[in-house]
């Protein structure tokens, strides 16, 4: 797949950890992984 990282602002002591893409604010371009 193409793997992308994402960031969500939560503050320094935030415990929020969304598991859906809509929960994230910033995205990278992605890197291809082929197995």
ModelCIF file with pLDDT and N, C-alpha, C, O atoms, coordinates in Angstrom:
data_MODEL
#
_entry.id   MODEL 
#
_entity.id                         1 
_entity.type                       polymer 
_entity.pdbx_number_of_molecules   1 
#
_entity_poly.entity_id                      1 
_entity_poly.type                           'polypeptide(L)' 
_entity_poly.nstd_linkage                   no 
_entity_poly.nstd_monomer                   no 
_entity_poly.pdbx_seq_one_letter_code       
;(UNK)(UNK)(UNK)(UNK)(UNK)(UNK)(UNK)(UNK)(UNK)(UNK)(UNK)(UNK)(UNK)(UNK)(UNK)(UNK)
(UNK)(UNK)(UNK)(UNK)(UNK)(UNK)(UNK)(UNK)(UNK)(UNK)(UNK)(UNK)(UNK)(UNK)(UNK)(UNK)
(UNK)(UNK)(UNK)
;
_entity_poly.pdbx_seq_one_letter_code_can   XXXXXXXXXXXXXXXXXXXXXXXXXXXXXXXXXXX 
_entity_poly.pdbx_strand_id                 A 
#
loop_
_entity_poly_seq.entity_id 
_entity_poly_seq.num 
_entity_poly_seq.mon_id 
_entity_poly_seq.hetero 
1 1  UNK n 
1 2  UNK n 
1 3  UNK n 
1 4  UNK n 
1 5  UNK n 
1 6  UNK n 
1 7  UNK n 
1 8  UNK n 
1 9  UNK n 
1 10 UNK n 
1 11 UNK n 
1 12 UNK n 
1 13 UNK n 
1 14 UNK n 
1 15 UNK n 
1 16 UNK n 
1 17 UNK n 
1 18 UNK n 
1 19 UNK n 
1 20 UNK n 
1 21 UNK n 
1 22 UNK n 
1 23 UNK n 
1 24 UNK n 
1 25 UNK n 
1 26 UNK n 
1 27 UNK n 
1 28 UNK n 
1 29 UNK n 
1 30 UNK n 
1 31 UNK n 
1 32 UNK n 
1 33 UNK n 
1 34 UNK n 
1 35 UNK n 
#
_struct_asym.id          A 
_struct_asym.entity_id   1 
#
loop_
_ma_qa_metric.id 
_ma_qa_metric.mode 
_ma_qa_metric.name 
_ma_qa_metric.software_group_id 
_ma_qa_metric.type 
1 global pLDDT . pLDDT 
2 local  pLDDT . pLDDT 
#
_ma_qa_metric_global.metric_id      1 
_ma_qa_metric_global.metric_value   94.09 
_ma_qa_metric_global.model_id       1 
_ma_qa_metric_global.ordinal_id     1 
#
loop_
_ma_qa_metric_local.label_asym_id 
_ma_qa_metric_local.label_comp_id 
_ma_qa_metric_local.label_seq_id 
_ma_qa_metric_local.metric_id 
_ma_qa_metric_local.metric_value 
_ma_qa_metric_local.model_id 
_ma_qa_metric_local.ordinal_id 
A UNK 1  2 98.00 1 1  
A UNK 2  2 98.00 1 2  
A UNK 3  2 98.00 1 3  
A UNK 4  2 98.00 1 4  
A UNK 5  2 98.00 1 5  
A UNK 6  2 98.00 1 6  
A UNK 7  2 97.00 1 7  
A UNK 8  2 96.00 1 8  
A UNK 9  2 94.00 1 9  
A UNK 10 2 91.00 1 10 
A UNK 11 2 86.00 1 11 
A UNK 12 2 83.00 1 12 
A UNK 13 2 82.00 1 13 
A UNK 14 2 79.00 1 14 
A UNK 15 2 82.00 1 15 
A UNK 16 2 87.00 1 16 
A UNK 17 2 93.00 1 17 
A UNK 18 2 94.00 1 18 
A UNK 19 2 94.00 1 19 
A UNK 20 2 95.00 1 20 
A UNK 21 2 95.00 1 21 
A UNK 22 2 95.00 1 22 
A UNK 23 2 94.00 1 23 
A UNK 24 2 96.00 1 24 
A UNK 25 2 95.00 1 25 
A UNK 26 2 97.00 1 26 
A UNK 27 2 98.00 1 27 
A UNK 28 2 98.00 1 28 
A UNK 29 2 97.00 1 29 
A UNK 30 2 97.00 1 30 
A UNK 31 2 98.00 1 31 
A UNK 32 2 98.00 1 32 
A UNK 33 2 98.00 1 33 
A UNK 34 2 98.00 1 34 
A UNK 35 2 98.00 1 35 
#
loop_
_atom_site.group_PDB 
_atom_site.id 
_atom_site.type_symbol 
_atom_site.label_atom_id 
_atom_site.label_alt_id 
_atom_site.label_comp_id 
_atom_site.label_asym_id 
_atom_site.label_entity_id 
_atom_site.label_seq_id 
_atom_site.pdbx_PDB_ins_code 
_atom_site.Cartn_x 
_atom_site.Cartn_y 
_atom_site.Cartn_z 
_atom_site.occupancy 
_atom_site.B_iso_or_equiv 
_atom_site.pdbx_formal_charge 
_atom_site.auth_seq_id 
_atom_site.auth_comp_id 
_atom_site.auth_asym_id 
_atom_site.auth_atom_id 
_atom_site.pdbx_PDB_model_num 
ATOM 1   N N  . UNK A 1 1  ? 0.851   -1.193 0.000  1.00 98.00 ? 1  UNK A N  1 
ATOM 2   C CA . UNK A 1 1  ? 0.000   0.000  0.000  1.00 98.00 ? 1  UNK A CA 1 
ATOM 3   C C  . UNK A 1 1  ? 0.884   1.238  0.000  1.00 98.00 ? 1  UNK A C  1 
ATOM 4   O O  . UNK A 1 1  ? 2.101   1.153  0.163  1.00 98.00 ? 1  UNK A O  1 
ATOM 5   N N  . UNK A 1 2  ? 0.253   2.379  -0.185 1.00 98.00 ? 2  UNK A N  1 
ATOM 6   C CA . UNK A 1 2  ? 0.915   3.661  0.074  1.00 98.00 ? 2  UNK A CA 1 
ATOM 7   C C  . UNK A 1 2  ? 0.639   4.009  1.533  1.00 98.00 ? 2  UNK A C  1 
ATOM 8   O O  . UNK A 1 2  ? -0.512  4.084  1.964  1.00 98.00 ? 2  UNK A O  1 
ATOM 9   N N  . UNK A 1 3  ? 1.705   4.218  2.272  1.00 98.00 ? 3  UNK A N  1 
ATOM 10  C CA . UNK A 1 3  ? 1.594   4.521  3.696  1.00 98.00 ? 3  UNK A CA 1 
ATOM 11  C C  . UNK A 1 3  ? 1.796   6.026  3.902  1.00 98.00 ? 3  UNK A C  1 
ATOM 12  O O  . UNK A 1 3  ? 2.752   6.617  3.399  1.00 98.00 ? 3  UNK A O  1 
ATOM 13  N N  . UNK A 1 4  ? 0.874   6.623  4.653  1.00 98.00 ? 4  UNK A N  1 
ATOM 14  C CA . UNK A 1 4  ? 0.939   8.054  4.927  1.00 98.00 ? 4  UNK A CA 1 
ATOM 15  C C  . UNK A 1 4  ? 0.886   8.292  6.419  1.00 98.00 ? 4  UNK A C  1 
ATOM 16  O O  . UNK A 1 4  ? 0.191   7.587  7.150  1.00 98.00 ? 4  UNK A O  1 
ATOM 17  N N  . UNK A 1 5  ? 1.628   9.291  6.865  1.00 98.00 ? 5  UNK A N  1 
ATOM 18  C CA . UNK A 1 5  ? 1.510   9.649  8.268  1.00 98.00 ? 5  UNK A CA 1 
ATOM 19  C C  . UNK A 1 5  ? 0.613   10.875 8.395  1.00 98.00 ? 5  UNK A C  1 
ATOM 20  O O  . UNK A 1 5  ? 0.444   11.645 7.450  1.00 98.00 ? 5  UNK A O  1 
ATOM 21  N N  . UNK A 1 6  ? 0.045   11.035 9.582  1.00 98.00 ? 6  UNK A N  1 
ATOM 22  C CA . UNK A 1 6  ? -0.904  12.106 9.843  1.00 98.00 ? 6  UNK A CA 1 
ATOM 23  C C  . UNK A 1 6  ? -0.709  12.625 11.256 1.00 98.00 ? 6  UNK A C  1 
ATOM 24  O O  . UNK A 1 6  ? -0.238  11.906 12.138 1.00 98.00 ? 6  UNK A O  1 
ATOM 25  N N  . UNK A 1 7  ? -1.076  13.885 11.458 1.00 97.00 ? 7  UNK A N  1 
ATOM 26  C CA . UNK A 1 7  ? -0.926  14.529 12.757 1.00 97.00 ? 7  UNK A CA 1 
ATOM 27  C C  . UNK A 1 7  ? -2.229  15.188 13.182 1.00 97.00 ? 7  UNK A C  1 
ATOM 28  O O  . UNK A 1 7  ? -2.950  15.775 12.376 1.00 97.00 ? 7  UNK A O  1 
ATOM 29  N N  . UNK A 1 8  ? -2.503  15.069 14.472 1.00 96.00 ? 8  UNK A N  1 
ATOM 30  C CA . UNK A 1 8  ? -3.690  15.715 15.041 1.00 96.00 ? 8  UNK A CA 1 
ATOM 31  C C  . UNK A 1 8  ? -3.272  16.491 16.275 1.00 96.00 ? 8  UNK A C  1 
ATOM 32  O O  . UNK A 1 8  ? -2.622  15.946 17.167 1.00 96.00 ? 8  UNK A O  1 
ATOM 33  N N  . UNK A 1 9  ? -3.650  17.785 16.331 1.00 94.00 ? 9  UNK A N  1 
ATOM 34  C CA . UNK A 1 9  ? -3.325  18.581 17.506 1.00 94.00 ? 9  UNK A CA 1 
ATOM 35  C C  . UNK A 1 9  ? -4.171  18.117 18.689 1.00 94.00 ? 9  UNK A C  1 
ATOM 36  O O  . UNK A 1 9  ? -5.398  18.066 18.608 1.00 94.00 ? 9  UNK A O  1 
ATOM 37  N N  . UNK A 1 10 ? -3.488  17.776 19.800 1.00 91.00 ? 10 UNK A N  1 
ATOM 38  C CA . UNK A 1 10 ? -4.203  17.356 21.000 1.00 91.00 ? 10 UNK A CA 1 
ATOM 39  C C  . UNK A 1 10 ? -3.690  18.050 22.255 1.00 91.00 ? 10 UNK A C  1 
ATOM 40  O O  . UNK A 1 10 ? -4.273  17.906 23.330 1.00 91.00 ? 10 UNK A O  1 
ATOM 41  N N  . UNK A 1 11 ? -2.611  18.795 22.124 1.00 86.00 ? 11 UNK A N  1 
ATOM 42  C CA . UNK A 1 11 ? -1.988  19.357 23.311 1.00 86.00 ? 11 UNK A CA 1 
ATOM 43  C C  . UNK A 1 11 ? -0.972  18.389 23.904 1.00 86.00 ? 11 UNK A C  1 
ATOM 44  O O  . UNK A 1 11 ? -0.926  17.221 23.516 1.00 86.00 ? 11 UNK A O  1 
ATOM 45  N N  . UNK A 1 12 ? -0.160  18.866 24.839 1.00 83.00 ? 12 UNK A N  1 
ATOM 46  C CA . UNK A 1 12 ? 0.935   18.050 25.366 1.00 83.00 ? 12 UNK A CA 1 
ATOM 47  C C  . UNK A 1 12 ? 0.461   16.867 26.193 1.00 83.00 ? 12 UNK A C  1 
ATOM 48  O O  . UNK A 1 12 ? 1.161   15.857 26.269 1.00 83.00 ? 12 UNK A O  1 
ATOM 49  N N  . UNK A 1 13 ? -0.699  16.963 26.809 1.00 82.00 ? 13 UNK A N  1 
ATOM 50  C CA . UNK A 1 13 ? -1.167  15.868 27.660 1.00 82.00 ? 13 UNK A CA 1 
ATOM 51  C C  . UNK A 1 13 ? -2.421  15.223 27.086 1.00 82.00 ? 13 UNK A C  1 
ATOM 52  O O  . UNK A 1 13 ? -3.149  14.524 27.790 1.00 82.00 ? 13 UNK A O  1 
ATOM 53  N N  . UNK A 1 14 ? -2.666  15.462 25.805 1.00 79.00 ? 14 UNK A N  1 
ATOM 54  C CA . UNK A 1 14 ? -3.848  14.892 25.176 1.00 79.00 ? 14 UNK A CA 1 
ATOM 55  C C  . UNK A 1 14 ? -3.759  13.388 25.028 1.00 79.00 ? 14 UNK A C  1 
ATOM 56  O O  . UNK A 1 14 ? -2.685  12.841 24.778 1.00 79.00 ? 14 UNK A O  1 
ATOM 57  N N  . UNK A 1 15 ? -4.891  12.721 25.185 1.00 82.00 ? 15 UNK A N  1 
ATOM 58  C CA . UNK A 1 15 ? -4.954  11.271 25.019 1.00 82.00 ? 15 UNK A CA 1 
ATOM 59  C C  . UNK A 1 15 ? -5.776  10.883 23.800 1.00 82.00 ? 15 UNK A C  1 
ATOM 60  O O  . UNK A 1 15 ? -5.915  9.699  23.491 1.00 82.00 ? 15 UNK A O  1 
ATOM 61  N N  . UNK A 1 16 ? -6.327  11.886 23.099 1.00 87.00 ? 16 UNK A N  1 
ATOM 62  C CA . UNK A 1 16 ? -7.128  11.597 21.918 1.00 87.00 ? 16 UNK A CA 1 
ATOM 63  C C  . UNK A 1 16 ? -6.284  10.914 20.869 1.00 87.00 ? 16 UNK A C  1 
ATOM 64  O O  . UNK A 1 16 ? -5.150  11.316 20.607 1.00 87.00 ? 16 UNK A O  1 
ATOM 65  N N  . UNK A 1 17 ? -6.847  9.871  20.265 1.00 93.00 ? 17 UNK A N  1 
ATOM 66  C CA . UNK A 1 17 ? -6.133  9.125  19.245 1.00 93.00 ? 17 UNK A CA 1 
ATOM 67  C C  . UNK A 1 17 ? -7.159  8.560  18.263 1.00 93.00 ? 17 UNK A C  1 
ATOM 68  O O  . UNK A 1 17 ? -7.554  7.398  18.363 1.00 93.00 ? 17 UNK A O  1 
ATOM 69  N N  . UNK A 1 18 ? -7.581  9.390  17.321 1.00 94.00 ? 18 UNK A N  1 
ATOM 70  C CA . UNK A 1 18 ? -8.600  8.939  16.364 1.00 94.00 ? 18 UNK A CA 1 
ATOM 71  C C  . UNK A 1 18 ? -8.099  7.790  15.499 1.00 94.00 ? 18 UNK A C  1 
ATOM 72  O O  . UNK A 1 18 ? -6.902  7.662  15.244 1.00 94.00 ? 18 UNK A O  1 
ATOM 73  N N  . UNK A 1 19 ? -9.020  6.970  15.060 1.00 94.00 ? 19 UNK A N  1 
ATOM 74  C CA . UNK A 1 19 ? -8.677  5.865  14.161 1.00 94.00 ? 19 UNK A CA 1 
ATOM 75  C C  . UNK A 1 19 ? -9.297  6.067  12.781 1.00 94.00 ? 19 UNK A C  1 
ATOM 76  O O  . UNK A 1 19 ? -9.294  5.158  11.951 1.00 94.00 ? 19 UNK A O  1 
ATOM 77  N N  . UNK A 1 20 ? -9.826  7.259  12.548 1.00 95.00 ? 20 UNK A N  1 
ATOM 78  C CA . UNK A 1 20 ? -10.345 7.585  11.224 1.00 95.00 ? 20 UNK A CA 1 
ATOM 79  C C  . UNK A 1 20 ? -9.584  8.765  10.654 1.00 95.00 ? 20 UNK A C  1 
ATOM 80  O O  . UNK A 1 20 ? -9.108  9.630  11.388 1.00 95.00 ? 20 UNK A O  1 
ATOM 81  N N  . UNK A 1 21 ? -9.476  8.789  9.336  1.00 95.00 ? 21 UNK A N  1 
ATOM 82  C CA . UNK A 1 21 ? -8.720  9.841  8.673  1.00 95.00 ? 21 UNK A CA 1 
ATOM 83  C C  . UNK A 1 21 ? -9.279  11.226 8.959  1.00 95.00 ? 21 UNK A C  1 
ATOM 84  O O  . UNK A 1 21 ? -8.528  12.199 9.029  1.00 95.00 ? 21 UNK A O  1 
ATOM 85  N N  . UNK A 1 22 ? -10.591 11.319 9.125  1.00 95.00 ? 22 UNK A N  1 
ATOM 86  C CA . UNK A 1 22 ? -11.223 12.613 9.359  1.00 95.00 ? 22 UNK A CA 1 
ATOM 87  C C  . UNK A 1 22 ? -10.758 13.262 10.649 1.00 95.00 ? 22 UNK A C  1 
ATOM 88  O O  . UNK A 1 22 ? -10.928 14.467 10.833 1.00 95.00 ? 22 UNK A O  1 
ATOM 89  N N  . UNK A 1 23 ? -10.172 12.478 11.543 1.00 94.00 ? 23 UNK A N  1 
ATOM 90  C CA . UNK A 1 23 ? -9.744  13.010 12.823 1.00 94.00 ? 23 UNK A CA 1 
ATOM 91  C C  . UNK A 1 23 ? -8.398  13.717 12.803 1.00 94.00 ? 23 UNK A C  1 
ATOM 92  O O  . UNK A 1 23 ? -7.963  14.245 13.826 1.00 94.00 ? 23 UNK A O  1 
ATOM 93  N N  . UNK A 1 24 ? -7.740  13.734 11.662 1.00 96.00 ? 24 UNK A N  1 
ATOM 94  C CA . UNK A 1 24 ? -6.386  14.267 11.573 1.00 96.00 ? 24 UNK A CA 1 
ATOM 95  C C  . UNK A 1 24 ? -6.318  15.555 10.768 1.00 96.00 ? 24 UNK A C  1 
ATOM 96  O O  . UNK A 1 24 ? -7.075  15.764 9.821  1.00 96.00 ? 24 UNK A O  1 
ATOM 97  N N  . UNK A 1 25 ? -5.380  16.417 11.177 1.00 95.00 ? 25 UNK A N  1 
ATOM 98  C CA . UNK A 1 25 ? -5.301  17.756 10.619 1.00 95.00 ? 25 UNK A CA 1 
ATOM 99  C C  . UNK A 1 25 ? -4.288  17.891 9.491  1.00 95.00 ? 25 UNK A C  1 
ATOM 100 O O  . UNK A 1 25 ? -4.488  18.668 8.557  1.00 95.00 ? 25 UNK A O  1 
ATOM 101 N N  . UNK A 1 26 ? -3.208  17.136 9.579  1.00 97.00 ? 26 UNK A N  1 
ATOM 102 C CA . UNK A 1 26 ? -2.114  17.288 8.620  1.00 97.00 ? 26 UNK A CA 1 
ATOM 103 C C  . UNK A 1 26 ? -1.699  15.918 8.094  1.00 97.00 ? 26 UNK A C  1 
ATOM 104 O O  . UNK A 1 26 ? -1.758  14.908 8.796  1.00 97.00 ? 26 UNK A O  1 
ATOM 105 N N  . UNK A 1 27 ? -1.277  15.925 6.826  1.00 98.00 ? 27 UNK A N  1 
ATOM 106 C CA . UNK A 1 27 ? -0.924  14.677 6.152  1.00 98.00 ? 27 UNK A CA 1 
ATOM 107 C C  . UNK A 1 27 ? 0.370   14.817 5.371  1.00 98.00 ? 27 UNK A C  1 
ATOM 108 O O  . UNK A 1 27 ? 0.691   15.888 4.857  1.00 98.00 ? 27 UNK A O  1 
ATOM 109 N N  . UNK A 1 28 ? 1.109   13.713 5.291  1.00 98.00 ? 28 UNK A N  1 
ATOM 110 C CA . UNK A 1 28 ? 2.242   13.638 4.406  1.00 98.00 ? 28 UNK A CA 1 
ATOM 111 C C  . UNK A 1 28 ? 1.814   13.141 3.039  1.00 98.00 ? 28 UNK A C  1 
ATOM 112 O O  . UNK A 1 28 ? 0.645   12.827 2.815  1.00 98.00 ? 28 UNK A O  1 
ATOM 113 N N  . UNK A 1 29 ? 2.774   13.074 2.128  1.00 97.00 ? 29 UNK A N  1 
ATOM 114 C CA . UNK A 1 29 ? 2.492   12.665 0.750  1.00 97.00 ? 29 UNK A CA 1 
ATOM 115 C C  . UNK A 1 29 ? 2.416   11.157 0.577  1.00 97.00 ? 29 UNK A C  1 
ATOM 116 O O  . UNK A 1 29 ? 1.798   10.663 -0.366 1.00 97.00 ? 29 UNK A O  1 
ATOM 117 N N  . UNK A 1 30 ? 3.039   10.437 1.479  1.00 97.00 ? 30 UNK A N  1 
ATOM 118 C CA . UNK A 1 30 ? 2.975   8.980  1.404  1.00 97.00 ? 30 UNK A CA 1 
ATOM 119 C C  . UNK A 1 30 ? 4.243   8.360  0.858  1.00 97.00 ? 30 UNK A C  1 
ATOM 120 O O  . UNK A 1 30 ? 5.012   9.003  0.143  1.00 97.00 ? 30 UNK A O  1 
ATOM 121 N N  . UNK A 1 31 ? 4.450   7.098  1.206  1.00 98.00 ? 31 UNK A N  1 
ATOM 122 C CA . UNK A 1 31 ? 5.571   6.313  0.693  1.00 98.00 ? 31 UNK A CA 1 
ATOM 123 C C  . UNK A 1 31 ? 5.064   4.921  0.345  1.00 98.00 ? 31 UNK A C  1 
ATOM 124 O O  . UNK A 1 31 ? 4.274   4.330  1.081  1.00 98.00 ? 31 UNK A O  1 
ATOM 125 N N  . UNK A 1 32 ? 5.530   4.410  -0.788 1.00 98.00 ? 32 UNK A N  1 
ATOM 126 C CA . UNK A 1 32 ? 5.041   3.127  -1.288 1.00 98.00 ? 32 UNK A CA 1 
ATOM 127 C C  . UNK A 1 32 ? 5.759   1.982  -0.596 1.00 98.00 ? 32 UNK A C  1 
ATOM 128 O O  . UNK A 1 32 ? 6.985   1.971  -0.476 1.00 98.00 ? 32 UNK A O  1 
ATOM 129 N N  . UNK A 1 33 ? 4.971   1.022  -0.147 1.00 98.00 ? 33 UNK A N  1 
ATOM 130 C CA . UNK A 1 33 ? 5.497   -0.238 0.390  1.00 98.00 ? 33 UNK A CA 1 
ATOM 131 C C  . UNK A 1 33 ? 4.936   -1.369 -0.467 1.00 98.00 ? 33 UNK A C  1 
ATOM 132 O O  . UNK A 1 33 ? 3.724   -1.498 -0.635 1.00 98.00 ? 33 UNK A O  1 
ATOM 133 N N  . UNK A 1 34 ? 5.836   -2.180 -1.002 1.00 98.00 ? 34 UNK A N  1 
ATOM 134 C CA . UNK A 1 34 ? 5.431   -3.313 -1.824 1.00 98.00 ? 34 UNK A CA 1 
ATOM 135 C C  . UNK A 1 34 ? 6.044   -4.573 -1.247 1.00 98.00 ? 34 UNK A C  1 
ATOM 136 O O  . UNK A 1 34 ? 7.260   -4.656 -1.070 1.00 98.00 ? 34 UNK A O  1 
ATOM 137 N N  . UNK A 1 35 ? 5.203   -5.552 -0.953 1.00 98.00 ? 35 UNK A N  1 
ATOM 138 C CA . UNK A 1 35 ? 5.658   -6.809 -0.386 1.00 98.00 ? 35 UNK A CA 1 
ATOM 139 C C  . UNK A 1 35 ? 5.397   -7.914 -1.396 1.00 98.00 ? 35 UNK A C  1 
ATOM 140 O O  . UNK A 1 35 ? 5.703   -9.077 -1.132 1.00 98.00 ? 35 UNK A O  1 
#
